[in-house]
Structure formats: structure tokens, C-alpha cells
Amino acid sequence: MTLYWDGRRFDTATAKRVGKSLSHTWSNLQTGTDTKLCVKFKGSNRMACEKTKYIGGRAQF
């Protein structure tokens, strides 16, 4: 799978299958707010995208 950050190719990784889902975790990404992140799988013309949002401070435990 390939990760696109605001329309630019950022990184490529191998996804893992868990049940019916394919996933990968990119650690330590500081995406900020209103960043468009998209993923595309090899062999597919389709792309899944989402825009990051600010959700406030996280609870501290």
C-alpha cells in the first residue's frame, strides 16, 4: 500500500491482513490538522482518503 500526504506520495509499506481488513500503522506521524491522507493498494485504481481533524487534548491516565 502507498500513503499519500496532501496529494504527494509519502511512503510505501506492506499491509497485514486481519480477518477481512488490510492494515498498516505508520508510527510517529505528526500530521497536524486538515491534512489529507490517502492510501492506495497495488493493483487498484481506487484510493481511500480522509482529512485529519483536531479533537482537543487527550485524557491523561
N, C-alpha and C. Protein backbone atom coordinates (compact mmCIF):
# COMPACT_ATOMS: atom_id res chain seq x y z
N MET A 1 0.84 -1.15 0.00
CA MET A 1 0.00 0.00 0.00
C MET A 1 0.89 1.23 0.00
N THR A 2 0.37 2.32 -0.57
CA THR A 2 1.12 3.57 -0.63
C THR A 2 0.33 4.65 0.10
N LEU A 3 1.02 5.42 0.93
CA LEU A 3 0.42 6.51 1.67
C LEU A 3 0.72 7.82 0.94
N TYR A 4 -0.33 8.61 0.72
CA TYR A 4 -0.19 9.93 0.10
C TYR A 4 -0.54 10.99 1.15
N TRP A 5 0.28 12.02 1.25
CA TRP A 5 0.12 13.10 2.24
C TRP A 5 -0.12 14.38 1.46
N ASP A 6 -1.34 14.91 1.56
CA ASP A 6 -1.74 16.10 0.80
C ASP A 6 -1.42 15.97 -0.69
N GLY A 7 -1.71 14.79 -1.24
CA GLY A 7 -1.56 14.56 -2.67
C GLY A 7 -0.19 14.10 -3.12
N ARG A 8 0.78 14.08 -2.22
CA ARG A 8 2.13 13.65 -2.58
C ARG A 8 2.44 12.28 -1.99
N ARG A 9 3.09 11.46 -2.78
CA ARG A 9 3.48 10.14 -2.32
C ARG A 9 4.42 10.28 -1.13
N PHE A 10 4.08 9.63 -0.01
CA PHE A 10 4.85 9.77 1.22
C PHE A 10 5.66 8.52 1.53
N ASP A 11 5.01 7.34 1.47
CA ASP A 11 5.70 6.11 1.85
C ASP A 11 4.94 4.90 1.30
N THR A 12 5.65 3.80 1.17
CA THR A 12 5.05 2.53 0.74
C THR A 12 5.34 1.49 1.80
N ALA A 13 4.36 0.64 2.09
CA ALA A 13 4.53 -0.40 3.11
C ALA A 13 3.73 -1.63 2.72
N THR A 14 4.03 -2.74 3.35
CA THR A 14 3.28 -3.97 3.15
C THR A 14 2.17 -4.03 4.20
N ALA A 15 0.93 -4.16 3.74
CA ALA A 15 -0.21 -4.25 4.65
C ALA A 15 -0.33 -5.67 5.20
N LYS A 16 -0.92 -5.77 6.39
CA LYS A 16 -1.18 -7.07 7.00
C LYS A 16 -2.69 -7.32 6.98
N ARG A 17 -3.05 -8.57 6.74
CA ARG A 17 -4.47 -8.94 6.74
C ARG A 17 -4.86 -9.41 8.14
N VAL A 18 -5.95 -8.83 8.65
CA VAL A 18 -6.54 -9.25 9.91
C VAL A 18 -8.02 -9.47 9.62
N GLY A 19 -8.42 -10.73 9.51
CA GLY A 19 -9.80 -11.03 9.11
C GLY A 19 -10.02 -10.55 7.68
N LYS A 20 -11.00 -9.68 7.50
CA LYS A 20 -11.30 -9.14 6.17
C LYS A 20 -10.61 -7.80 5.92
N SER A 21 -9.86 -7.30 6.91
CA SER A 21 -9.24 -5.98 6.80
C SER A 21 -7.76 -6.07 6.45
N LEU A 22 -7.30 -5.09 5.68
CA LEU A 22 -5.88 -4.90 5.42
C LEU A 22 -5.46 -3.64 6.15
N SER A 23 -4.32 -3.69 6.86
CA SER A 23 -3.92 -2.51 7.61
C SER A 23 -2.41 -2.42 7.75
N HIS A 24 -1.98 -1.22 8.08
CA HIS A 24 -0.58 -0.93 8.40
C HIS A 24 -0.59 0.30 9.30
N THR A 25 0.34 0.37 10.24
CA THR A 25 0.45 1.52 11.13
C THR A 25 1.75 2.24 10.86
N TRP A 26 1.64 3.51 10.53
CA TRP A 26 2.82 4.35 10.41
C TRP A 26 2.96 5.04 11.76
N SER A 27 4.04 4.78 12.47
CA SER A 27 4.21 5.35 13.80
C SER A 27 4.84 6.73 13.75
N ASN A 28 4.56 7.51 14.78
CA ASN A 28 5.16 8.83 14.98
C ASN A 28 4.91 9.82 13.86
N LEU A 29 3.77 9.75 13.22
CA LEU A 29 3.44 10.76 12.20
C LEU A 29 2.78 11.95 12.89
N GLN A 30 3.30 13.11 12.67
CA GLN A 30 2.71 14.34 13.19
C GLN A 30 2.00 15.01 12.01
N THR A 31 0.75 14.63 11.81
CA THR A 31 0.03 15.08 10.61
C THR A 31 -0.56 16.47 10.76
N GLY A 32 -0.77 16.93 11.97
CA GLY A 32 -1.42 18.22 12.15
C GLY A 32 -2.90 18.14 11.82
N THR A 33 -3.52 19.30 11.64
CA THR A 33 -4.95 19.39 11.36
C THR A 33 -5.15 19.73 9.88
N ASP A 34 -6.23 19.23 9.33
CA ASP A 34 -6.60 19.47 7.92
C ASP A 34 -5.56 18.94 6.93
N THR A 35 -4.98 17.80 7.26
CA THR A 35 -4.06 17.12 6.36
C THR A 35 -4.83 16.01 5.65
N LYS A 36 -4.75 15.95 4.34
CA LYS A 36 -5.44 14.91 3.58
C LYS A 36 -4.50 13.72 3.44
N LEU A 37 -4.90 12.59 4.04
CA LEU A 37 -4.14 11.34 3.95
C LEU A 37 -4.92 10.35 3.11
N CYS A 38 -4.23 9.71 2.17
CA CYS A 38 -4.87 8.73 1.28
C CYS A 38 -4.01 7.48 1.22
N VAL A 39 -4.65 6.33 1.03
CA VAL A 39 -3.93 5.09 0.79
C VAL A 39 -4.44 4.45 -0.49
N LYS A 40 -3.53 3.80 -1.18
CA LYS A 40 -3.85 3.12 -2.43
C LYS A 40 -3.14 1.77 -2.40
N PHE A 41 -3.87 0.73 -2.79
CA PHE A 41 -3.30 -0.61 -2.81
C PHE A 41 -2.81 -0.95 -4.21
N LYS A 42 -1.70 -1.63 -4.26
CA LYS A 42 -1.12 -2.06 -5.53
C LYS A 42 -2.15 -2.86 -6.32
N GLY A 43 -2.28 -2.56 -7.58
CA GLY A 43 -3.21 -3.28 -8.45
C GLY A 43 -4.61 -2.68 -8.48
N SER A 44 -4.84 -1.62 -7.70
CA SER A 44 -6.14 -0.98 -7.67
C SER A 44 -6.01 0.47 -8.13
N ASN A 45 -7.04 0.96 -8.80
CA ASN A 45 -7.07 2.36 -9.20
C ASN A 45 -7.76 3.23 -8.16
N ARG A 46 -8.40 2.58 -7.17
CA ARG A 46 -9.14 3.31 -6.16
C ARG A 46 -8.24 3.77 -5.02
N MET A 47 -8.64 4.86 -4.39
CA MET A 47 -7.88 5.43 -3.30
C MET A 47 -8.85 5.78 -2.17
N ALA A 48 -8.45 5.49 -0.93
CA ALA A 48 -9.25 5.85 0.24
C ALA A 48 -8.59 7.05 0.91
N CYS A 49 -9.38 8.10 1.17
CA CYS A 49 -8.83 9.33 1.74
C CYS A 49 -9.61 9.79 2.95
N GLU A 50 -8.92 10.51 3.82
CA GLU A 50 -9.56 11.13 4.98
C GLU A 50 -8.75 12.36 5.36
N LYS A 51 -9.43 13.37 5.88
CA LYS A 51 -8.76 14.59 6.32
C LYS A 51 -8.65 14.56 7.83
N THR A 52 -7.48 14.89 8.36
CA THR A 52 -7.28 14.87 9.81
C THR A 52 -8.04 16.02 10.45
N LYS A 53 -8.43 15.81 11.71
CA LYS A 53 -9.19 16.81 12.46
C LYS A 53 -8.57 16.99 13.83
N TYR A 54 -8.69 18.18 14.40
CA TYR A 54 -8.26 18.42 15.76
C TYR A 54 -9.41 18.03 16.68
N ILE A 55 -9.14 17.15 17.65
CA ILE A 55 -10.20 16.70 18.55
C ILE A 55 -9.94 17.11 19.99
N GLY A 56 -9.02 18.02 20.21
CA GLY A 56 -8.74 18.50 21.55
C GLY A 56 -7.71 17.65 22.25
N GLY A 57 -7.40 18.04 23.48
CA GLY A 57 -6.41 17.30 24.26
C GLY A 57 -6.87 15.90 24.61
N ARG A 58 -5.95 15.00 24.72
CA ARG A 58 -6.26 13.62 25.09
C ARG A 58 -6.28 13.48 26.60
N ALA A 59 -7.08 12.56 27.10
CA ALA A 59 -7.14 12.31 28.54
C ALA A 59 -5.82 11.73 29.02
N GLN A 60 -5.38 12.16 30.16
CA GLN A 60 -4.13 11.65 30.75
C GLN A 60 -4.45 10.62 31.81
N PHE A 61 -3.80 9.49 31.78
CA PHE A 61 -4.01 8.44 32.77
C PHE A 61 -2.77 8.26 33.59
